[in-house]
PDB file of N, CA and C in Angstrom:
ATOM      1  N   MET A   1     167.079  41.427  42.499  1.00  0.00           N
ATOM      2  CA  MET A   1     166.048  41.764  43.309  1.00  0.00           C
ATOM      3  C   MET A   1     165.623  43.246  43.434  1.00  0.00           C
ATOM      4  N   ARG A   2     164.350  43.574  43.192  1.00  0.00           N
ATOM      5  CA  ARG A   2     163.631  44.976  43.160  1.00  0.00           C
ATOM      6  C   ARG A   2     162.992  45.430  44.770  1.00  0.00           C
ATOM      7  N   TYR A   3     163.499  46.606  45.145  1.00  0.00           N
ATOM      8  CA  TYR A   3     163.051  47.281  45.969  1.00  0.00           C
ATOM      9  C   TYR A   3     161.250  47.380  46.051  1.00  0.00           C
ATOM     10  N   VAL A   4     160.363  47.293  46.417  1.00  0.00           N
ATOM     11  CA  VAL A   4     158.558  47.664  46.351  1.00  0.00           C
ATOM     12  C   VAL A   4     158.947  48.291  48.246  1.00  0.00           C
ATOM     13  N   PRO A   5     158.250  49.190  48.112  1.00  0.00           N
ATOM     14  CA  PRO A   5     158.164  49.996  49.517  1.00  0.00           C
ATOM     15  C   PRO A   5     157.038  48.959  50.277  1.00  0.00           C
ATOM     16  N   ASP A   6     156.876  49.615  51.417  1.00  0.00           N
ATOM     17  CA  ASP A   6     156.019  48.914  52.518  1.00  0.00           C
ATOM     18  C   ASP A   6     155.318  50.316  52.532  1.00  0.00           C
ATOM     19  N   ARG A   7     154.139  50.384  51.943  1.00  0.00           N
ATOM     20  CA  ARG A   7     153.750  51.917  52.121  1.00  0.00           C
ATOM     21  C   ARG A   7     152.941  51.709  53.717  1.00  0.00           C
ATOM     22  N   ARG A   8     152.070  50.390  53.673  1.00  0.00           N
ATOM     23  CA  ARG A   8     151.655  50.092  55.315  1.00  0.00           C
ATOM     24  C   ARG A   8     152.363  50.544  56.403  1.00  0.00           C
ATOM     25  N   GLY A   9     153.824  49.862  56.235  1.00  0.00           N
ATOM     26  CA  GLY A   9     154.895  50.409  56.993  1.00  0.00           C
ATOM     27  C   GLY A   9     155.420  51.556  57.101  1.00  0.00           C
ATOM     28  N   LEU A  10     155.611  52.476  55.924  1.00  0.00           N
ATOM     29  CA  LEU A  10     155.925  53.900  56.123  1.00  0.00           C
ATOM     30  C   LEU A  10     154.755  54.361  56.668  1.00  0.00           C
ATOM     31  N   ARG A  11     153.380  54.425  56.198  1.00  0.00           N
ATOM     32  CA  ARG A  11     152.478  55.265  56.767  1.00  0.00           C
ATOM     33  C   ARG A  11     152.700  54.873  58.696  1.00  0.00           C
ATOM     34  N   GLU A  12     152.788  53.808  58.974  1.00  0.00           N
ATOM     35  CA  GLU A  12     152.535  53.818  60.221  1.00  0.00           C
ATOM     36  C   GLU A  12     153.907  54.429  61.056  1.00  0.00           C
ATOM     37  N   LEU A  13     155.364  54.253  60.472  1.00  0.00           N
ATOM     38  CA  LEU A  13     156.030  55.257  60.640  1.00  0.00           C
ATOM     39  C   LEU A  13     155.875  56.333  60.536  1.00  0.00           C
ATOM     40  N   GLY A  14     155.279  57.073  59.665  1.00  0.00           N
ATOM     41  CA  GLY A  14     155.296  58.289  59.399  1.00  0.00           C
ATOM     42  C   GLY A  14     153.794  58.840  60.561  1.00  0.00           C
ATOM     43  N   ASN A  15     153.264  58.494  61.454  1.00  0.00           N
ATOM     44  CA  ASN A  15     152.574  58.732  62.268  1.00  0.00           C
ATOM     45  C   ASN A  15     152.782  58.548  63.875  1.00  0.00           C
ATOM     46  N   SER A  16     153.958  57.692  63.629  1.00  0.00           N
ATOM     47  CA  SER A  16     154.441  57.251  65.089  1.00  0.00           C
ATOM     48  C   SER A  16     154.712  58.274  65.995  1.00  0.00           C
ATOM     49  N   LYS A  17     154.658  57.687  67.435  1.00  0.00           N
ATOM     50  CA  LYS A  17     155.240  58.318  68.266  1.00  0.00           C
ATOM     51  C   LYS A  17     156.651  58.984  68.061  1.00  0.00           C
ATOM     52  N   GLU A  18     156.993  58.135  67.656  1.00  0.00           N
ATOM     53  CA  GLU A  18     158.872  58.428  67.395  1.00  0.00           C
ATOM     54  C   GLU A  18     159.344  59.384  66.122  1.00  0.00           C
ATOM     55  N   MET A  19     158.530  59.021  65.140  1.00  0.00           N
ATOM     56  CA  MET A  19     157.967  60.391  64.707  1.00  0.00           C
ATOM     57  C   MET A  19     157.809  61.443  64.796  1.00  0.00           C
ATOM     58  N   SER A  20     156.736  61.446  65.478  1.00  0.00           N
ATOM     59  CA  SER A  20     156.226  62.623  66.467  1.00  0.00           C
ATOM     60  C   SER A  20     157.470  63.676  66.900  1.00  0.00           C
ATOM     61  N   LYS A  21     158.203  62.753  68.289  1.00  0.00           N
ATOM     62  CA  LYS A  21     159.161  63.555  68.935  1.00  0.00           C
ATOM     63  C   LYS A  21     160.566  64.113  68.175  1.00  0.00           C
ATOM     64  N   LEU A  22     160.628  63.032  67.104  1.00  0.00           N
ATOM     65  CA  LEU A  22     162.003  63.217  66.287  1.00  0.00           C
ATOM     66  C   LEU A  22     161.644  65.127  65.488  1.00  0.00           C
ATOM     67  N   CYS A  23     160.265  65.165  65.287  1.00  0.00           N
ATOM     68  CA  CYS A  23     159.887  66.707  64.294  1.00  0.00           C
ATOM     69  C   CYS A  23     159.538  67.407  65.563  1.00  0.00           C
ATOM     70  N   GLN A  24     159.344  67.263  66.451  1.00  0.00           N
ATOM     71  CA  GLN A  24     159.009  68.321  67.538  1.00  0.00           C
ATOM     72  C   GLN A  24     160.572  68.313  68.229  1.00  0.00           C
ATOM     73  N   ARG A  25     161.496  67.570  68.441  1.00  0.00           N
ATOM     74  CA  ARG A  25     163.065  67.813  68.550  1.00  0.00           C
ATOM     75  C   ARG A  25     163.653  68.940  67.113  1.00  0.00           C
ATOM     76  N   ALA A  26     163.159  68.664  66.346  1.00  0.00           N
ATOM     77  CA  ALA A  26     163.948  69.589  65.245  1.00  0.00           C
ATOM     78  C   ALA A  26     163.219  70.989  65.168  1.00  0.00           C
ATOM     79  N   ALA A  27     161.895  70.680  65.490  1.00  0.00           N
ATOM     80  CA  ALA A  27     161.227  72.867  65.931  1.00  0.00           C
ATOM     81  C   ALA A  27     162.290  73.063  67.182  1.00  0.00           C
ATOM     82  N   GLU A  28     162.342  72.235  67.716  1.00  0.00           N
ATOM     83  CA  GLU A  28     163.127  72.850  69.404  1.00  0.00           C
ATOM     84  C   GLU A  28     164.472  73.011  68.732  1.00  0.00           C
ATOM     85  N   HIS A  29     164.850  72.880  67.697  1.00  0.00           N
ATOM     86  CA  HIS A  29     166.122  73.036  67.304  1.00  0.00           C
ATOM     87  C   HIS A  29     166.143  74.290  66.385  1.00  0.00           C
ATOM     88  N   GLY A  30     164.773  74.392  66.077  1.00  0.00           N
ATOM     89  CA  GLY A  30     164.571  76.210  65.684  1.00  0.00           C
ATOM     90  C   GLY A  30     164.661  76.626  66.099  1.00  0.00           C
ATOM     91  N   ARG A  31     164.082  76.372  67.411  1.00  0.00           N
ATOM     92  CA  ARG A  31     162.958  77.633  68.685  1.00  0.00           C
ATOM     93  C   ARG A  31     164.639  77.818  69.032  1.00  0.00           C
ATOM     94  N   GLN A  32     165.410  76.938  69.062  1.00  0.00           N
ATOM     95  CA  GLN A  32     166.512  77.231  70.303  1.00  0.00           C
ATOM     96  C   GLN A  32     167.376  78.298  69.469  1.00  0.00           C
ATOM     97  N   TRP A  33     167.604  78.229  67.975  1.00  0.00           N
ATOM     98  CA  TRP A  33     168.336  79.007  67.069  1.00  0.00           C
ATOM     99  C   TRP A  33     167.548  80.269  67.131  1.00  0.00           C
ATOM    100  N   ALA A  34     166.186  79.974  66.888  1.00  0.00           N
ATOM    101  CA  ALA A  34     165.492  81.328  67.109  1.00  0.00           C
ATOM    102  C   ALA A  34     166.003  82.141  68.349  1.00  0.00           C
ATOM    103  N   LEU A  35     165.770  81.840  69.659  1.00  0.00           N
ATOM    104  CA  LEU A  35     166.329  82.652  71.066  1.00  0.00           C
ATOM    105  C   LEU A  35     167.659  83.344  71.056  1.00  0.00           C
ATOM    106  N   ARG A  36     168.805  82.375  69.730  1.00  0.00           N
ATOM    107  CA  ARG A  36     169.742  83.738  69.886  1.00  0.00           C
ATOM    108  C   ARG A  36     170.094  84.481  68.639  1.00  0.00           C
ATOM    109  N   VAL A  37     169.090  84.401  67.927  1.00  0.00           N
ATOM    110  CA  VAL A  37     168.985  85.791  66.956  1.00  0.00           C
ATOM    111  C   VAL A  37     169.259  87.226  67.639  1.00  0.00           C
ATOM    112  N   PRO A  38     170.410  87.508  67.156  1.00  0.00           N
ATOM    113  CA  PRO A  38     170.039  89.283  68.314  1.00  0.00           C
ATOM    114  C   PRO A  38     169.348  90.265  67.720  1.00  0.00           C
ATOM    115  N   LEU A  39     168.493  90.795  68.328  1.00  0.00           N
ATOM    116  CA  LEU A  39     167.998  91.271  67.973  1.00  0.00           C
ATOM    117  C   LEU A  39     168.087  92.769  68.607  1.00  0.00           C
ATOM    118  N   ASP A  40     167.752  93.979  67.957  1.00  0.00           N
ATOM    119  CA  ASP A  40     167.679  95.570  68.314  1.00  0.00           C
ATOM    120  C   ASP A  40     166.251  95.582  68.278  1.00  0.00           C
ATOM    121  N   GLY A  41     166.447  96.288  70.012  1.00  0.00           N
ATOM    122  CA  GLY A  41     164.673  97.016  70.296  1.00  0.00           C
ATOM    123  C   GLY A  41     164.718  97.220  72.186  1.00  0.00           C
ATOM    124  N   PRO A  42     163.862  97.511  72.752  1.00  0.00           N
ATOM    125  CA  PRO A  42     163.490  97.622  73.939  1.00  0.00           C
ATOM    126  C   PRO A  42     164.025  96.371  74.608  1.00  0.00           C
ATOM    127  N   SER A  43     164.611  96.129  75.931  1.00  0.00           N
ATOM    128  CA  SER A  43     164.619  94.451  75.996  1.00  0.00           C
ATOM    129  C   SER A  43     163.429  94.316  76.870  1.00  0.00           C
ATOM    130  N   ARG A  44     162.647  94.603  77.355  1.00  0.00           N
ATOM    131  CA  ARG A  44     161.021  93.881  77.781  1.00  0.00           C
ATOM    132  C   ARG A  44     160.368  93.527  76.429  1.00  0.00           C
ATOM    133  N   LEU A  45     160.354  94.272  75.231  1.00  0.00           N
ATOM    134  CA  LEU A  45     159.792  93.745  73.947  1.00  0.00           C
ATOM    135  C   LEU A  45     160.419  92.752  73.560  1.00  0.00           C
ATOM    136  N   VAL A  46     161.956  92.803  73.555  1.00  0.00           N
ATOM    137  CA  VAL A  46     162.569  91.365  72.885  1.00  0.00           C
ATOM    138  C   VAL A  46     162.054  90.452  74.186  1.00  0.00           C
ATOM    139  N   GLY A  47     162.288  90.505  74.890  1.00  0.00           N
ATOM    140  CA  GLY A  47     161.879  89.483  75.985  1.00  0.00           C
ATOM    141  C   GLY A  47     160.309  89.327  76.111  1.00  0.00           C
ATOM    142  N   GLU A  48     159.437  89.493  75.649  1.00  0.00           N
ATOM    143  CA  GLU A  48     158.180  89.379  75.358  1.00  0.00           C
ATOM    144  C   GLU A  48     158.362  88.401  73.623  1.00  0.00           C
ATOM    145  N   TYR A  49     159.128  88.515  72.967  1.00  0.00           N
ATOM    146  CA  TYR A  49     159.248  88.235  71.775  1.00  0.00           C
ATOM    147  C   TYR A  49     159.623  87.114  71.780  1.00  0.00           C
ATOM    148  N   ARG A  50     161.042  86.542  72.986  1.00  0.00           N
ATOM    149  CA  ARG A  50     161.560  85.474  72.675  1.00  0.00           C
ATOM    150  C   ARG A  50     160.617  84.841  73.595  1.00  0.00           C
ATOM    151  N   ALA A  51     159.752  85.351  74.837  1.00  0.00           N
ATOM    152  CA  ALA A  51     159.117  84.370  75.210  1.00  0.00           C
ATOM    153  C   ALA A  51     157.724  83.734  74.517  1.00  0.00           C
ATOM    154  N   GLY A  52     157.626  84.401  73.141  1.00  0.00           N
ATOM    155  CA  GLY A  52     156.061  83.674  72.661  1.00  0.00           C
ATOM    156  C   GLY A  52     156.639  82.848  71.704  1.00  0.00           C
ATOM    157  N   PHE A  53     157.764  82.189  71.561  1.00  0.00           N
ATOM    158  CA  PHE A  53     158.312  80.864  70.849  1.00  0.00           C
ATOM    159  C   PHE A  53     158.367  79.427  71.402  1.00  0.00           C
ATOM    160  N   ARG A  54     157.050  78.915  70.832  1.00  0.00           N
ATOM    161  CA  ARG A  54     157.051  77.688  71.846  1.00  0.00           C
ATOM    162  C   ARG A  54     156.522  76.181  70.094  1.00  0.00           C
ATOM    163  N   VAL A  55     157.037  75.178  70.658  1.00  0.00           N
ATOM    164  CA  VAL A  55     156.749  74.088  69.703  1.00  0.00           C
ATOM    165  C   VAL A  55     155.791  73.085  70.102  1.00  0.00           C
ATOM    166  N   GLU A  56     154.609  72.372  69.561  1.00  0.00           N
ATOM    167  CA  GLU A  56     153.567  71.887  69.491  1.00  0.00           C
ATOM    168  C   GLU A  56     153.787  70.885  68.631  1.00  0.00           C
ATOM    169  N   PRO A  57     153.083  69.506  69.031  1.00  0.00           N
ATOM    170  CA  PRO A  57     153.041  68.725  68.011  1.00  0.00           C
ATOM    171  C   PRO A  57     151.775  69.071  67.059  1.00  0.00           C
ATOM    172  N   ASP A  58     151.643  68.526  65.890  1.00  0.00           N
ATOM    173  CA  ASP A  58     150.624  68.562  65.086  1.00  0.00           C
ATOM    174  C   ASP A  58     150.530  67.607  64.240  1.00  0.00           C
ATOM    175  N   THR A  59     149.393  67.444  62.881  1.00  0.00           N
ATOM    176  CA  THR A  59     149.766  66.931  62.246  1.00  0.00           C
ATOM    177  C   THR A  59     149.692  67.375  60.821  1.00  0.00           C
ATOM    178  N   VAL A  60     150.603  67.061  60.103  1.00  0.00           N
ATOM    179  CA  VAL A  60     150.760  67.473  58.378  1.00  0.00           C
ATOM    180  C   VAL A  60     150.350  66.445  57.605  1.00  0.00           C
ATOM    181  N   THR A  61     150.236  67.141  56.255  1.00  0.00           N
ATOM    182  CA  THR A  61     149.547  66.823  55.074  1.00  0.00           C
ATOM    183  C   THR A  61     150.629  66.087  53.888  1.00  0.00           C
ATOM    184  N   VAL A  62     150.955  64.749  53.994  1.00  0.00           N
ATOM    185  CA  VAL A  62     152.288  64.768  52.411  1.00  0.00           C
ATOM    186  C   VAL A  62     151.369  64.023  51.576  1.00  0.00           C
ATOM    187  N   ARG A  63     151.255  64.552  50.262  1.00  0.00           N
ATOM    188  CA  ARG A  63     150.729  63.821  49.474  1.00  0.00           C
ATOM    189  C   ARG A  63     149.319  63.421  49.891  1.00  0.00           C
ATOM    190  N   GLY A  64     148.820  64.028  50.940  1.00  0.00           N
ATOM    191  CA  GLY A  64     147.292  63.479  50.547  1.00  0.00           C
ATOM    192  C   GLY A  64     146.833  62.949  51.963  1.00  0.00           C
ATOM    193  N   GLU A  65     147.972  63.007  52.385  1.00  0.00           N
ATOM    194  CA  GLU A  65     147.650  61.819  53.712  1.00  0.00           C
ATOM    195  C   GLU A  65     148.570  62.193  54.810  1.00  0.00           C
ATOM    196  N   PRO A  66     147.992  62.241  56.316  1.00  0.00           N
ATOM    197  CA  PRO A  66     148.181  62.524  57.348  1.00  0.00           C
ATOM    198  C   PRO A  66     149.928  61.997  58.283  1.00  0.00           C
ATOM    199  N   ARG A  67     150.664  62.923  58.649  1.00  0.00           N
ATOM    200  CA  ARG A  67     152.014  62.469  58.807  1.00  0.00           C
ATOM    201  C   ARG A  67     152.205  62.728  60.543  1.00  0.00           C
ATOM    202  N   ALA A  68     152.767  62.609  61.210  1.00  0.00           N
ATOM    203  CA  ALA A  68     153.483  63.303  62.649  1.00  0.00           C
ATOM    204  C   ALA A  68     154.267  64.464  62.143  1.00  0.00           C
ATOM    205  N   GLY A  69     154.061  65.535  62.477  1.00  0.00           N
ATOM    206  CA  GLY A  69     154.635  66.956  62.732  1.00  0.00           C
ATOM    207  C   GLY A  69     154.829  67.778  64.244  1.00  0.00           C
ATOM    208  N   ALA A  70     155.525  68.892  63.737  1.00  0.00           N
ATOM    209  CA  ALA A  70     155.313  69.892  65.074  1.00  0.00           C
ATOM    210  C   ALA A  70     155.125  70.914  64.087  1.00  0.00           C
ATOM    211  N   LEU A  71     154.610  72.009  65.085  1.00  0.00           N
ATOM    212  CA  LEU A  71     155.268  73.420  64.903  1.00  0.00           C
ATOM    213  C   LEU A  71     155.691  74.722  65.786  1.00  0.00           C
ATOM    214  N   LEU A  72     156.917  75.381  64.495  1.00  0.00           N
ATOM    215  CA  LEU A  72     157.177  76.626  65.873  1.00  0.00           C
ATOM    216  C   LEU A  72     156.267  77.550  65.229  1.00  0.00           C
ATOM    217  N   ILE A  73     156.389  78.085  66.596  1.00  0.00           N
ATOM    218  CA  ILE A  73     155.156  78.640  66.424  1.00  0.00           C
ATOM    219  C   ILE A  73     156.217  80.520  67.404  1.00  0.00           C
ATOM    220  N   ASN A  74     155.529  81.798  66.936  1.00  0.00           N
ATOM    221  CA  ASN A  74     155.751  82.687  68.137  1.00  0.00           C
ATOM    222  C   ASN A  74     154.236  83.266  67.835  1.00  0.00           C
ATOM    223  N   ASP A  75     153.931  83.521  69.074  1.00  0.00           N
ATOM    224  CA  ASP A  75     152.083  83.611  69.384  1.00  0.00           C
ATOM    225  C   ASP A  75     152.081  85.283  70.145  1.00  0.00           C
ATOM    226  N   SER A  76     153.729  85.979  70.767  1.00  0.00           N
ATOM    227  CA  SER A  76     153.593  86.907  71.182  1.00  0.00           C
ATOM    228  C   SER A  76     153.010  88.078  70.111  1.00  0.00           C
ATOM    229  N   ALA A  77     152.261  89.120  70.868  1.00  0.00           N
ATOM    230  CA  ALA A  77     151.646  90.315  70.617  1.00  0.00           C
ATOM    231  C   ALA A  77     152.539  91.061  69.786  1.00  0.00           C
ATOM    232  N   VAL A  78     154.026  91.200  69.846  1.00  0.00           N
ATOM    233  CA  VAL A  78     155.051  91.984  69.280  1.00  0.00           C
ATOM    234  C   VAL A  78     155.585  91.413  67.922  1.00  0.00           C
ATOM    235  N   GLU A  79     155.063  89.839  67.708  1.00  0.00           N
ATOM    236  CA  GLU A  79     155.892  88.873  66.665  1.00  0.00           C
ATOM    237  C   GLU A  79     155.829  90.190  65.037  1.00  0.00           C
ATOM    238  N   ARG A  80     154.745  90.687  65.589  1.00  0.00           N
ATOM    239  CA  ARG A  80     154.880  91.587  63.851  1.00  0.00           C
ATOM    240  C   ARG A  80     156.178  92.600  64.030  1.00  0.00           C
ATOM    241  N   ILE A  81     156.172  92.860  64.748  1.00  0.00           N
ATOM    242  CA  ILE A  81     157.164  93.909  64.954  1.00  0.00           C
ATOM    243  C   ILE A  81     158.829  93.058  64.477  1.00  0.00           C
ATOM    244  N   PHE A  82     159.402  92.538  65.359  1.00  0.00           N
ATOM    245  CA  PHE A  82     160.938  91.533  65.475  1.00  0.00           C
ATOM    246  C   PHE A  82     160.316  90.772  63.762  1.00  0.00           C
ATOM    247  N   GLY A  83     158.914  90.133  63.907  1.00  0.00           N
ATOM    248  CA  GLY A  83     159.152  88.782  62.644  1.00  0.00           C
ATOM    249  C   GLY A  83     159.297  89.905  61.303  1.00  0.00           C
ATOM    250  N   THR A  84     158.755  91.083  61.082  1.00  0.00           N
ATOM    251  CA  THR A  84     158.331  91.760  59.674  1.00  0.00           C
ATOM    252  C   THR A  84     160.114  92.246  60.037  1.00  0.00           C
ATOM    253  N   ARG A  85     160.490  92.665  60.660  1.00  0.00           N
ATOM    254  CA  ARG A  85     162.277  93.488  60.409  1.00  0.00           C
ATOM    255  C   ARG A  85     163.242  92.001  60.592  1.00  0.00           C
ATOM    256  N   ASN A  86     163.107  91.174  61.318  1.00  0.00           N
ATOM    257  CA  ASN A  86     164.379  90.436  61.177  1.00  0.00           C
ATOM    258  C   ASN A  86     164.011  88.662  60.323  1.00  0.00           C
ATOM    259  N   ARG A  87     162.918  88.299  60.239  1.00  0.00           N
ATOM    260  CA  ARG A  87     162.309  87.214  59.618  1.00  0.00           C
ATOM    261  C   ARG A  87     162.951  86.303  60.041  1.00  0.00           C
ATOM    262  N   THR A  88     162.926  86.365  61.554  1.00  0.00           N
ATOM    263  CA  THR A  88     163.063  85.580  62.476  1.00  0.00           C
ATOM    264  C   THR A  88     162.471  84.363  62.527  1.00  0.00           C
ATOM    265  N   LEU A  89     161.241  84.114  62.452  1.00  0.00           N
ATOM    266  CA  LEU A  89     160.860  82.411  62.384  1.00  0.00           C
ATOM    267  C   LEU A  89     160.838  82.247  61.096  1.00  0.00           C
ATOM    268  N   TYR A  90     160.937  82.923  60.201  1.00  0.00           N
ATOM    269  CA  TYR A  90     160.730  82.285  59.100  1.00  0.00           C
ATOM    270  C   TYR A  90     162.407  81.904  58.881  1.00  0.00           C
ATOM    271  N   ARG A  91     162.874  82.407  59.123  1.00  0.00           N
ATOM    272  CA  ARG A  91     164.806  82.033  58.994  1.00  0.00           C
ATOM    273  C   ARG A  91     165.142  80.788  59.992  1.00  0.00           C
ATOM    274  N   ALA A  92     163.968  80.740  60.973  1.00  0.00           N
ATOM    275  CA  ALA A  92     164.117  79.238  61.946  1.00  0.00           C
ATOM    276  C   ALA A  92     163.814  78.325  61.374  1.00  0.00           C
ATOM    277  N   ILE A  93     162.588  78.470  60.661  1.00  0.00           N
ATOM    278  CA  ILE A  93     162.287  77.236  60.061  1.00  0.00           C
ATOM    279  C   ILE A  93     163.174  76.730  59.094  1.00  0.00           C
ATOM    280  N   ALA A  94     163.200  77.780  58.317  1.00  0.00           N
ATOM    281  CA  ALA A  94     165.028  77.386  56.827  1.00  0.00           C
ATOM    282  C   ALA A  94     165.867  76.384  57.900  1.00  0.00           C
ATOM    283  N   GLN A  95     166.486  76.576  58.813  1.00  0.00           N
ATOM    284  CA  GLN A  95     167.262  76.240  59.740  1.00  0.00           C
ATOM    285  C   GLN A  95     166.926  74.790  60.072  1.00  0.00           C
ATOM    286  N   ILE A  96     165.459  74.614  60.367  1.00  0.00           N
ATOM    287  CA  ILE A  96     165.334  72.843  60.457  1.00  0.00           C
ATOM    288  C   ILE A  96     165.412  72.357  59.421  1.00  0.00           C
ATOM    289  N   GLU A  97     164.896  72.652  57.866  1.00  0.00           N
ATOM    290  CA  GLU A  97     164.844  72.312  56.747  1.00  0.00           C
ATOM    291  C   GLU A  97     166.127  72.653  55.785  1.00  0.00           C
ATOM    292  N   GLY A  98     166.944  72.967  57.006  1.00  0.00           N
ATOM    293  CA  GLY A  98     168.262  73.034  56.070  1.00  0.00           C
ATOM    294  C   GLY A  98     168.398  73.841  54.731  1.00  0.00           C
ATOM    295  N   ALA A  99     167.380  74.990  54.888  1.00  0.00           N
ATOM    296  CA  ALA A  99     167.630  75.719  53.191  1.00  0.00           C
ATOM    297  C   ALA A  99     168.433  76.993  53.440  1.00  0.00           C
ATOM    298  N   LYS A 100     169.023  77.403  52.439  1.00  0.00           N
ATOM    299  CA  LYS A 100     169.792  78.899  52.658  1.00  0.00           C
ATOM    300  C   LYS A 100     168.844  80.044  53.079  1.00  0.00           C
ATOM    301  N   ILE A 101     168.952  80.650  53.087  1.00  0.00           N
ATOM    302  CA  ILE A 101     168.614  82.234  53.686  1.00  0.00           C
ATOM    303  C   ILE A 101     169.690  83.211  53.007  1.00  0.00           C
ATOM    304  N   THR A 102     168.631  83.997  51.674  1.00  0.00           N
ATOM    305  CA  THR A 102     169.814  85.210  50.827  1.00  0.00           C
ATOM    306  C   THR A 102     168.919  86.235  51.309  1.00  0.00           C
TER     307      THR A 102
END
């Protein structure tokens, strides 16, 4: 017997509320990781930077088709300072995806 993927079923799964929740949970894992990264700087700016992390649901495109997804965002005014120096957001996303940072 040969496996034949159920394309419609996979599409429905990829757009389901459950998949959206899983993606948001993974992004939240990255957010929590980012909040633990040690940062050097004035405590006010570090606090502002950490408060800028948030997760929101989004739609991503995979092979030209929309899928449930999530964004890990830091929209603080000081993100450029810490983001450039420590690459925290980039490293947090890599944590979600299981990538190794060199």
